[in-house]
PDB file of all heavy atoms in Angstrom:
ATOM      1  N   ASP A   1     -50.225  46.326  25.275  1.00  0.00           N
ATOM      2  CA  ASP A   1     -50.429  46.546  26.706  1.00  0.00           C
ATOM      3  C   ASP A   1     -49.421  45.759  27.534  1.00  0.00           C
ATOM      4  O   ASP A   1     -48.947  46.234  28.571  1.00  0.00           O
ATOM      5  CB  ASP A   1     -51.846  46.124  27.115  1.00  0.00           C
ATOM      6  CG  ASP A   1     -52.926  46.953  26.443  1.00  0.00           C
ATOM      7  OD1 ASP A   1     -52.638  48.106  26.077  1.00  0.00           O
ATOM      8  OD2 ASP A   1     -54.043  46.433  26.280  1.00  0.00           O
ATOM      9  N   TYR A   2     -49.070  44.562  27.083  1.00  0.00           N
ATOM     10  CA  TYR A   2     -48.198  43.679  27.862  1.00  0.00           C
ATOM     11  C   TYR A   2     -46.711  43.913  27.599  1.00  0.00           C
ATOM     12  O   TYR A   2     -45.860  43.412  28.351  1.00  0.00           O
ATOM     13  CB  TYR A   2     -48.548  42.218  27.586  1.00  0.00           C
ATOM     14  CG  TYR A   2     -49.713  41.721  28.394  1.00  0.00           C
ATOM     15  CD1 TYR A   2     -51.026  41.956  27.986  1.00  0.00           C
ATOM     16  CD2 TYR A   2     -49.527  41.022  29.584  1.00  0.00           C
ATOM     17  CE1 TYR A   2     -52.115  41.514  28.731  1.00  0.00           C
ATOM     18  CE2 TYR A   2     -50.605  40.571  30.335  1.00  0.00           C
ATOM     19  CZ  TYR A   2     -51.892  40.815  29.905  1.00  0.00           C
ATOM     20  OH  TYR A   2     -52.964  40.383  30.648  1.00  0.00           O
ATOM     21  N   GLN A   3     -46.379  44.666  26.573  1.00  0.00           N
ATOM     22  CA  GLN A   3     -44.968  44.897  26.275  1.00  0.00           C
ATOM     23  C   GLN A   3     -44.250  45.637  27.401  1.00  0.00           C
ATOM     24  O   GLN A   3     -43.031  45.514  27.558  1.00  0.00           O
ATOM     25  CB  GLN A   3     -44.832  45.671  24.963  1.00  0.00           C
ATOM     26  CG  GLN A   3     -45.054  44.797  23.729  1.00  0.00           C
ATOM     27  CD  GLN A   3     -44.938  45.565  22.428  1.00  0.00           C
ATOM     28  OE1 GLN A   3     -45.055  46.791  22.408  1.00  0.00           O
ATOM     29  NE2 GLN A   3     -44.711  44.848  21.338  1.00  0.00           N
ATOM     30  N   ILE A   4     -45.002  46.361  28.204  1.00  0.00           N
ATOM     31  CA  ILE A   4     -44.414  47.110  29.318  1.00  0.00           C
ATOM     32  C   ILE A   4     -43.744  46.172  30.323  1.00  0.00           C
ATOM     33  O   ILE A   4     -42.849  46.574  31.073  1.00  0.00           O
ATOM     34  CB  ILE A   4     -45.495  47.970  30.020  1.00  0.00           C
ATOM     35  CG1 ILE A   4     -44.845  48.960  30.980  1.00  0.00           C
ATOM     36  CG2 ILE A   4     -46.505  47.091  30.745  1.00  0.00           C
ATOM     37  CD1 ILE A   4     -45.817  49.944  31.582  1.00  0.00           C
ATOM     38  N   LEU A   5     -44.146  44.897  30.344  1.00  0.00           N
ATOM     39  CA  LEU A   5     -43.591  43.946  31.298  1.00  0.00           C
ATOM     40  C   LEU A   5     -42.177  43.506  30.933  1.00  0.00           C
ATOM     41  O   LEU A   5     -41.438  42.995  31.774  1.00  0.00           O
ATOM     42  CB  LEU A   5     -44.493  42.709  31.387  1.00  0.00           C
ATOM     43  CG  LEU A   5     -45.917  42.937  31.886  1.00  0.00           C
ATOM     44  CD1 LEU A   5     -46.706  41.635  31.809  1.00  0.00           C
ATOM     45  CD2 LEU A   5     -45.911  43.468  33.310  1.00  0.00           C
ATOM     46  N   GLY A   6     -41.809  43.661  29.668  1.00  0.00           N
ATOM     47  CA  GLY A   6     -40.492  43.231  29.224  1.00  0.00           C
ATOM     48  C   GLY A   6     -40.341  41.724  29.167  1.00  0.00           C
ATOM     49  O   GLY A   6     -39.211  41.207  29.156  1.00  0.00           O
ATOM     50  N   ALA A   7     -41.443  41.007  29.134  1.00  0.00           N
ATOM     51  CA  ALA A   7     -41.425  39.543  29.094  1.00  0.00           C
ATOM     52  C   ALA A   7     -41.524  39.041  27.652  1.00  0.00           C
ATOM     53  O   ALA A   7     -41.892  39.793  26.739  1.00  0.00           O
ATOM     54  CB  ALA A   7     -42.585  38.981  29.915  1.00  0.00           C
ATOM     55  N   LYS A   8     -41.218  37.770  27.479  1.00  0.00           N
ATOM     56  CA  LYS A   8     -41.420  37.135  26.175  1.00  0.00           C
ATOM     57  C   LYS A   8     -42.915  36.962  25.960  1.00  0.00           C
ATOM     58  O   LYS A   8     -43.624  36.445  26.828  1.00  0.00           O
ATOM     59  CB  LYS A   8     -40.717  35.773  26.122  1.00  0.00           C
ATOM     60  CG  LYS A   8     -39.222  35.840  26.220  1.00  0.00           C
ATOM     61  CD  LYS A   8     -38.605  34.454  26.134  1.00  0.00           C
ATOM     62  CE  LYS A   8     -38.926  33.629  27.377  1.00  0.00           C
ATOM     63  NZ  LYS A   8     -38.243  32.295  27.362  1.00  0.00           N
ATOM     64  N   LEU A   9     -43.417  37.400  24.810  1.00  0.00           N
ATOM     65  CA  LEU A   9     -44.848  37.356  24.528  1.00  0.00           C
ATOM     66  C   LEU A   9     -45.136  36.455  23.332  1.00  0.00           C
ATOM     67  O   LEU A   9     -44.349  36.370  22.391  1.00  0.00           O
ATOM     68  CB  LEU A   9     -45.389  38.762  24.240  1.00  0.00           C
ATOM     69  CG  LEU A   9     -45.216  39.831  25.322  1.00  0.00           C
ATOM     70  CD1 LEU A   9     -45.782  41.162  24.840  1.00  0.00           C
ATOM     71  CD2 LEU A   9     -45.875  39.409  26.627  1.00  0.00           C
ATOM     72  N   LEU A  10     -46.287  35.798  23.400  1.00  0.00           N
ATOM     73  CA  LEU A  10     -46.792  35.019  22.270  1.00  0.00           C
ATOM     74  C   LEU A  10     -48.268  35.359  22.125  1.00  0.00           C
ATOM     75  O   LEU A  10     -49.042  35.185  23.071  1.00  0.00           O
ATOM     76  CB  LEU A  10     -46.605  33.523  22.517  1.00  0.00           C
ATOM     77  CG  LEU A  10     -47.137  32.578  21.432  1.00  0.00           C
ATOM     78  CD1 LEU A  10     -46.392  32.801  20.118  1.00  0.00           C
ATOM     79  CD2 LEU A  10     -47.014  31.126  21.874  1.00  0.00           C
ATOM     80  N   ALA A  11     -48.665  35.875  20.967  1.00  0.00           N
ATOM     81  CA  ALA A  11     -50.043  36.325  20.750  1.00  0.00           C
ATOM     82  C   ALA A  11     -50.886  35.221  20.137  1.00  0.00           C
ATOM     83  O   ALA A  11     -50.473  34.580  19.169  1.00  0.00           O
ATOM     84  CB  ALA A  11     -50.051  37.555  19.852  1.00  0.00           C
ATOM     85  N   HIS A  12     -52.062  35.003  20.709  1.00  0.00           N
ATOM     86  CA  HIS A  12     -52.992  34.035  20.140  1.00  0.00           C
ATOM     87  C   HIS A  12     -54.103  34.755  19.375  1.00  0.00           C
ATOM     88  O   HIS A  12     -54.447  35.901  19.691  1.00  0.00           O
ATOM     89  CB  HIS A  12     -53.573  33.122  21.226  1.00  0.00           C
ATOM     90  CG  HIS A  12     -54.504  33.799  22.192  1.00  0.00           C
ATOM     91  ND1 HIS A  12     -55.824  34.110  21.892  1.00  0.00           N
ATOM     92  CD2 HIS A  12     -54.309  34.208  23.472  1.00  0.00           C
ATOM     93  CE1 HIS A  12     -56.392  34.679  22.929  1.00  0.00           C
ATOM     94  NE2 HIS A  12     -55.510  34.758  23.903  1.00  0.00           N
ATOM     95  N   PRO A  13     -54.693  34.106  18.387  1.00  0.00           N
ATOM     96  CA  PRO A  13     -55.748  34.742  17.590  1.00  0.00           C
ATOM     97  C   PRO A  13     -56.994  35.041  18.416  1.00  0.00           C
ATOM     98  O   PRO A  13     -57.248  34.404  19.446  1.00  0.00           O
ATOM     99  CB  PRO A  13     -56.047  33.700  16.502  1.00  0.00           C
ATOM    100  CG  PRO A  13     -54.900  32.759  16.514  1.00  0.00           C
ATOM    101  CD  PRO A  13     -54.354  32.760  17.898  1.00  0.00           C
ATOM    102  N   ALA A  14     -57.792  35.976  17.930  1.00  0.00           N
ATOM    103  CA  ALA A  14     -58.995  36.398  18.653  1.00  0.00           C
ATOM    104  C   ALA A  14     -59.998  35.271  18.800  1.00  0.00           C
ATOM    105  O   ALA A  14     -60.750  35.223  19.781  1.00  0.00           O
ATOM    106  CB  ALA A  14     -59.632  37.592  17.936  1.00  0.00           C
ATOM    107  N   GLU A  15     -60.031  34.347  17.851  1.00  0.00           N
ATOM    108  CA  GLU A  15     -61.043  33.290  17.900  1.00  0.00           C
ATOM    109  C   GLU A  15     -60.750  32.234  18.969  1.00  0.00           C
ATOM    110  O   GLU A  15     -61.603  31.381  19.257  1.00  0.00           O
ATOM    111  CB  GLU A  15     -61.178  32.602  16.533  1.00  0.00           C
ATOM    112  CG  GLU A  15     -59.941  31.907  16.031  1.00  0.00           C
ATOM    113  CD  GLU A  15     -59.087  32.799  15.141  1.00  0.00           C
ATOM    114  OE1 GLU A  15     -59.239  34.040  15.227  1.00  0.00           O
ATOM    115  OE2 GLU A  15     -58.284  32.254  14.371  1.00  0.00           O
ATOM    116  N   VAL A  16     -59.569  32.242  19.546  1.00  0.00           N
ATOM    117  CA  VAL A  16     -59.237  31.288  20.607  1.00  0.00           C
ATOM    118  C   VAL A  16     -59.797  31.810  21.923  1.00  0.00           C
ATOM    119  O   VAL A  16     -59.279  32.759  22.496  1.00  0.00           O
ATOM    120  CB  VAL A  16     -57.711  31.076  20.711  1.00  0.00           C
ATOM    121  CG1 VAL A  16     -57.391  30.114  21.845  1.00  0.00           C
ATOM    122  CG2 VAL A  16     -57.155  30.561  19.396  1.00  0.00           C
ATOM    123  N   GLN A  17     -60.884  31.207  22.381  1.00  0.00           N
ATOM    124  CA  GLN A  17     -61.591  31.668  23.576  1.00  0.00           C
ATOM    125  C   GLN A  17     -61.841  30.495  24.529  1.00  0.00           C
ATOM    126  O   GLN A  17     -62.230  29.414  24.096  1.00  0.00           O
ATOM    127  CB  GLN A  17     -62.938  32.295  23.181  1.00  0.00           C
ATOM    128  CG  GLN A  17     -62.844  33.528  22.291  1.00  0.00           C
ATOM    129  CD  GLN A  17     -62.434  34.767  23.074  1.00  0.00           C
ATOM    130  OE1 GLN A  17     -62.632  34.841  24.282  1.00  0.00           O
ATOM    131  NE2 GLN A  17     -61.878  35.749  22.378  1.00  0.00           N
ATOM    132  N   GLY A  18     -61.647  30.709  25.818  1.00  0.00           N
ATOM    133  CA  GLY A  18     -61.927  29.676  26.801  1.00  0.00           C
ATOM    134  C   GLY A  18     -60.703  28.851  27.142  1.00  0.00           C
ATOM    135  O   GLY A  18     -59.712  28.813  26.398  1.00  0.00           O
ATOM    136  N   ILE A  19     -60.765  28.170  28.280  1.00  0.00           N
ATOM    137  CA  ILE A  19     -59.598  27.461  28.801  1.00  0.00           C
ATOM    138  C   ILE A  19     -59.133  26.347  27.876  1.00  0.00           C
ATOM    139  O   ILE A  19     -57.953  26.262  27.534  1.00  0.00           O
ATOM    140  CB  ILE A  19     -59.906  26.902  30.207  1.00  0.00           C
ATOM    141  CG1 ILE A  19     -60.047  28.056  31.206  1.00  0.00           C
ATOM    142  CG2 ILE A  19     -58.807  25.952  30.659  1.00  0.00           C
ATOM    143  CD1 ILE A  19     -60.451  27.623  32.594  1.00  0.00           C
ATOM    144  N   ALA A  20     -60.047  25.472  27.466  1.00  0.00           N
ATOM    145  CA  ALA A  20     -59.628  24.322  26.654  1.00  0.00           C
ATOM    146  C   ALA A  20     -59.048  24.743  25.301  1.00  0.00           C
ATOM    147  O   ALA A  20     -57.939  24.306  24.940  1.00  0.00           O
ATOM    148  CB  ALA A  20     -60.789  23.356  26.461  1.00  0.00           C
ATOM    149  N   PRO A  21     -59.736  25.573  24.524  1.00  0.00           N
ATOM    150  CA  PRO A  21     -59.151  25.983  23.242  1.00  0.00           C
ATOM    151  C   PRO A  21     -57.806  26.701  23.408  1.00  0.00           C
ATOM    152  O   PRO A  21     -56.891  26.484  22.602  1.00  0.00           O
ATOM    153  CB  PRO A  21     -60.213  26.920  22.657  1.00  0.00           C
ATOM    154  CG  PRO A  21     -61.493  26.469  23.274  1.00  0.00           C
ATOM    155  CD  PRO A  21     -61.127  26.076  24.666  1.00  0.00           C
ATOM    156  N   LEU A  22     -57.687  27.524  24.455  1.00  0.00           N
ATOM    157  CA  LEU A  22     -56.435  28.255  24.649  1.00  0.00           C
ATOM    158  C   LEU A  22     -55.289  27.309  25.013  1.00  0.00           C
ATOM    159  O   LEU A  22     -54.180  27.420  24.470  1.00  0.00           O
ATOM    160  CB  LEU A  22     -56.608  29.308  25.733  1.00  0.00           C
ATOM    161  CG  LEU A  22     -55.358  30.141  26.070  1.00  0.00           C
ATOM    162  CD1 LEU A  22     -54.807  30.823  24.829  1.00  0.00           C
ATOM    163  CD2 LEU A  22     -55.655  31.155  27.163  1.00  0.00           C
ATOM    164  N   LYS A  23     -55.533  26.362  25.900  1.00  0.00           N
ATOM    165  CA  LYS A  23     -54.461  25.447  26.293  1.00  0.00           C
ATOM    166  C   LYS A  23     -54.088  24.503  25.156  1.00  0.00           C
ATOM    167  O   LYS A  23     -52.909  24.152  25.001  1.00  0.00           O
ATOM    168  CB  LYS A  23     -54.852  24.683  27.559  1.00  0.00           C
ATOM    169  CG  LYS A  23     -54.858  25.591  28.789  1.00  0.00           C
ATOM    170  CD  LYS A  23     -55.029  24.830  30.094  1.00  0.00           C
ATOM    171  CE  LYS A  23     -54.886  25.776  31.279  1.00  0.00           C
ATOM    172  NZ  LYS A  23     -55.028  25.095  32.584  1.00  0.00           N
ATOM    173  N   ASN A  24     -55.061  24.097  24.352  1.00  0.00           N
ATOM    174  CA  ASN A  24     -54.722  23.308  23.168  1.00  0.00           C
ATOM    175  C   ASN A  24     -53.860  24.123  22.209  1.00  0.00           C
ATOM    176  O   ASN A  24     -52.905  23.605  21.611  1.00  0.00           O
ATOM    177  CB  ASN A  24     -55.998  22.836  22.463  1.00  0.00           C
ATOM    178  CG  ASN A  24     -56.633  21.635  23.136  1.00  0.00           C
ATOM    179  OD1 ASN A  24     -55.962  20.841  23.785  1.00  0.00           O
ATOM    180  ND2 ASN A  24     -57.944  21.505  22.989  1.00  0.00           N
ATOM    181  N   TRP A  25     -54.189  25.392  22.065  1.00  0.00           N
ATOM    182  CA  TRP A  25     -53.409  26.275  21.183  1.00  0.00           C
ATOM    183  C   TRP A  25     -51.987  26.404  21.705  1.00  0.00           C
ATOM    184  O   TRP A  25     -51.023  26.371  20.918  1.00  0.00           O
ATOM    185  CB  TRP A  25     -54.081  27.644  21.084  1.00  0.00           C
ATOM    186  CG  TRP A  25     -53.483  28.550  20.053  1.00  0.00           C
ATOM    187  CD1 TRP A  25     -53.819  28.654  18.739  1.00  0.00           C
ATOM    188  CD2 TRP A  25     -52.399  29.477  20.266  1.00  0.00           C
ATOM    189  NE1 TRP A  25     -53.022  29.585  18.114  1.00  0.00           N
ATOM    190  CE2 TRP A  25     -52.151  30.102  19.024  1.00  0.00           C
ATOM    191  CE3 TRP A  25     -51.636  29.837  21.364  1.00  0.00           C
ATOM    192  CZ2 TRP A  25     -51.159  31.069  18.869  1.00  0.00           C
ATOM    193  CZ3 TRP A  25     -50.637  30.797  21.213  1.00  0.00           C
ATOM    194  CH2 TRP A  25     -50.414  31.400  19.973  1.00  0.00           C
ATOM    195  N   ILE A  26     -51.846  26.545  23.006  1.00  0.00           N
ATOM    196  CA  ILE A  26     -50.510  26.636  23.607  1.00  0.00           C
ATOM    197  C   ILE A  26     -49.712  25.368  23.326  1.00  0.00           C
ATOM    198  O   ILE A  26     -48.545  25.419  22.919  1.00  0.00           O
ATOM    199  CB  ILE A  26     -50.620  26.884  25.125  1.00  0.00           C
ATOM    200  CG1 ILE A  26     -51.124  28.315  25.391  1.00  0.00           C
ATOM    201  CG2 ILE A  26     -49.279  26.655  25.818  1.00  0.00           C
ATOM    202  CD1 ILE A  26     -51.490  28.576  26.835  1.00  0.00           C
ATOM    203  N   LEU A  27     -50.328  24.208  23.518  1.00  0.00           N
ATOM    204  CA  LEU A  27     -49.627  22.952  23.275  1.00  0.00           C
ATOM    205  C   LEU A  27     -49.226  22.796  21.812  1.00  0.00           C
ATOM    206  O   LEU A  27     -48.228  22.147  21.501  1.00  0.00           O
ATOM    207  CB  LEU A  27     -50.506  21.770  23.704  1.00  0.00           C
ATOM    208  CG  LEU A  27     -50.781  21.654  25.206  1.00  0.00           C
ATOM    209  CD1 LEU A  27     -51.722  20.489  25.488  1.00  0.00           C
ATOM    210  CD2 LEU A  27     -49.487  21.490  25.994  1.00  0.00           C
ATOM    211  N   ASP A  28     -50.005  23.396  20.928  1.00  0.00           N
ATOM    212  CA  ASP A  28     -49.702  23.326  19.495  1.00  0.00           C
ATOM    213  C   ASP A  28     -48.597  24.295  19.080  1.00  0.00           C
ATOM    214  O   ASP A  28     -47.983  24.109  18.028  1.00  0.00           O
ATOM    215  CB  ASP A  28     -50.955  23.623  18.671  1.00  0.00           C
ATOM    216  CG  ASP A  28     -51.994  22.511  18.742  1.00  0.00           C
ATOM    217  OD1 ASP A  28     -51.619  21.370  19.095  1.00  0.00           O
ATOM    218  OD2 ASP A  28     -53.175  22.786  18.467  1.00  0.00           O
ATOM    219  N   HIS A  29     -48.369  25.335  19.893  1.00  0.00           N
ATOM    220  CA  HIS A  29     -47.442  26.388  19.477  1.00  0.00           C
ATOM    221  C   HIS A  29     -46.211  26.531  20.369  1.00  0.00           C
ATOM    222  O   HIS A  29     -45.360  27.393  20.107  1.00  0.00           O
ATOM    223  CB  HIS A  29     -48.181  27.727  19.402  1.00  0.00           C
ATOM    224  CG  HIS A  29     -49.166  27.815  18.280  1.00  0.00           C
ATOM    225  ND1 HIS A  29     -50.436  27.278  18.356  1.00  0.00           N
ATOM    226  CD2 HIS A  29     -49.063  28.337  17.026  1.00  0.00           C
ATOM    227  CE1 HIS A  29     -51.075  27.486  17.217  1.00  0.00           C
ATOM    228  NE2 HIS A  29     -50.271  28.112  16.392  1.00  0.00           N
ATOM    229  N   VAL A  30     -46.096  25.719  21.394  1.00  0.00           N
ATOM    230  CA  VAL A  30     -44.887  25.685  22.230  1.00  0.00           C
ATOM    231  C   VAL A  30     -44.223  24.337  22.000  1.00  0.00           C
ATOM    232  O   VAL A  30     -44.831  23.293  22.198  1.00  0.00           O
ATOM    233  CB  VAL A  30     -45.236  25.884  23.720  1.00  0.00           C
ATOM    234  CG1 VAL A  30     -43.987  25.728  24.575  1.00  0.00           C
ATOM    235  CG2 VAL A  30     -45.864  27.257  23.950  1.00  0.00           C
ATOM    236  N   GLU A  31     -42.967  24.349  21.587  1.00  0.00           N
ATOM    237  CA  GLU A  31     -42.308  23.130  21.135  1.00  0.00           C
ATOM    238  C   GLU A  31     -41.771  22.257  22.270  1.00  0.00           C
ATOM    239  O   GLU A  31     -41.578  21.058  22.083  1.00  0.00           O
ATOM    240  CB  GLU A  31     -41.150  23.479  20.188  1.00  0.00           C
ATOM    241  CG  GLU A  31     -41.624  24.128  18.881  1.00  0.00           C
ATOM    242  CD  GLU A  31     -40.466  24.416  17.947  1.00  0.00           C
ATOM    243  OE1 GLU A  31     -39.296  24.199  18.360  1.00  0.00           O
ATOM    244  OE2 GLU A  31     -40.713  24.859  16.811  1.00  0.00           O
ATOM    245  N   ASP A  32     -41.520  22.824  23.431  1.00  0.00           N
ATOM    246  CA  ASP A  32     -40.933  22.053  24.525  1.00  0.00           C
ATOM    247  C   ASP A  32     -41.820  20.862  24.887  1.00  0.00           C
ATOM    248  O   ASP A  32     -43.042  20.978  24.927  1.00  0.00           O
ATOM    249  CB  ASP A  32     -40.748  22.935  25.758  1.00  0.00           C
ATOM    250  CG  ASP A  32     -39.815  24.104  25.486  1.00  0.00           C
ATOM    251  OD1 ASP A  32     -40.195  24.969  24.671  1.00  0.00           O
ATOM    252  OD2 ASP A  32     -38.745  24.153  26.088  1.00  0.00           O
ATOM    253  N   GLU A  33     -41.195  19.734  25.194  1.00  0.00           N
ATOM    254  CA  GLU A  33     -41.964  18.546  25.557  1.00  0.00           C
ATOM    255  C   GLU A  33     -42.765  18.773  26.828  1.00  0.00           C
ATOM    256  O   GLU A  33     -43.912  18.331  26.945  1.00  0.00           O
ATOM    257  CB  GLU A  33     -41.038  17.342  25.757  1.00  0.00           C
ATOM    258  CG  GLU A  33     -41.796  16.072  26.109  1.00  0.00           C
ATOM    259  CD  GLU A  33     -40.921  14.979  26.679  1.00  0.00           C
ATOM    260  OE1 GLU A  33     -39.768  15.275  27.061  1.00  0.00           O
ATOM    261  OE2 GLU A  33     -41.394  13.834  26.768  1.00  0.00           O
ATOM    262  N   VAL A  34     -42.162  19.460  27.803  1.00  0.00           N
ATOM    263  CA  VAL A  34     -42.832  19.738  29.067  1.00  0.00           C
ATOM    264  C   VAL A  34     -43.267  21.204  29.078  1.00  0.00           C
ATOM    265  O   VAL A  34     -42.447  22.112  28.903  1.00  0.00           O
ATOM    266  CB  VAL A  34     -41.919  19.466  30.275  1.00  0.00           C
ATOM    267  CG1 VAL A  34     -42.659  19.756  31.583  1.00  0.00           C
ATOM    268  CG2 VAL A  34     -41.427  18.036  30.255  1.00  0.00           C
ATOM    269  N   VAL A  35     -44.562  21.412  29.273  1.00  0.00           N
ATOM    270  CA  VAL A  35     -45.123  22.762  29.342  1.00  0.00           C
ATOM    271  C   VAL A  35     -45.783  22.929  30.707  1.00  0.00           C
ATOM    272  O   VAL A  35     -46.646  22.132  31.092  1.00  0.00           O
ATOM    273  CB  VAL A  35     -46.160  23.001  28.221  1.00  0.00           C
ATOM    274  CG1 VAL A  35     -46.726  24.417  28.312  1.00  0.00           C
ATOM    275  CG2 VAL A  35     -45.528  22.773  26.852  1.00  0.00           C
ATOM    276  N   PHE A  36     -45.367  23.946  31.438  1.00  0.00           N
ATOM    277  CA  PHE A  36     -45.923  24.224  32.763  1.00  0.00           C
ATOM    278  C   PHE A  36     -46.770  25.490  32.644  1.00  0.00           C
ATOM    279  O   PHE A  36     -46.252  26.590  32.485  1.00  0.00           O
ATOM    280  CB  PHE A  36     -44.806  24.410  33.780  1.00  0.00           C
ATOM    281  CG  PHE A  36     -45.284  24.513  35.212  1.00  0.00           C
ATOM    282  CD1 PHE A  36     -46.049  23.507  35.779  1.00  0.00           C
ATOM    283  CD2 PHE A  36     -44.953  25.611  35.986  1.00  0.00           C
ATOM    284  CE1 PHE A  36     -46.480  23.596  37.104  1.00  0.00           C
ATOM    285  CE2 PHE A  36     -45.372  25.707  37.300  1.00  0.00           C
ATOM    286  CZ  PHE A  36     -46.138  24.697  37.864  1.00  0.00           C
TER     287      PHE A  36
END
């Protein structure tokens, strides 16, 4: 659904639900020191 945007995409697993688990997952999977 999101490929139409032409943006860089990163898919998270279905079991990652809610703000805290999702943001922790992002911090674990984005290597940059600063994440906005």
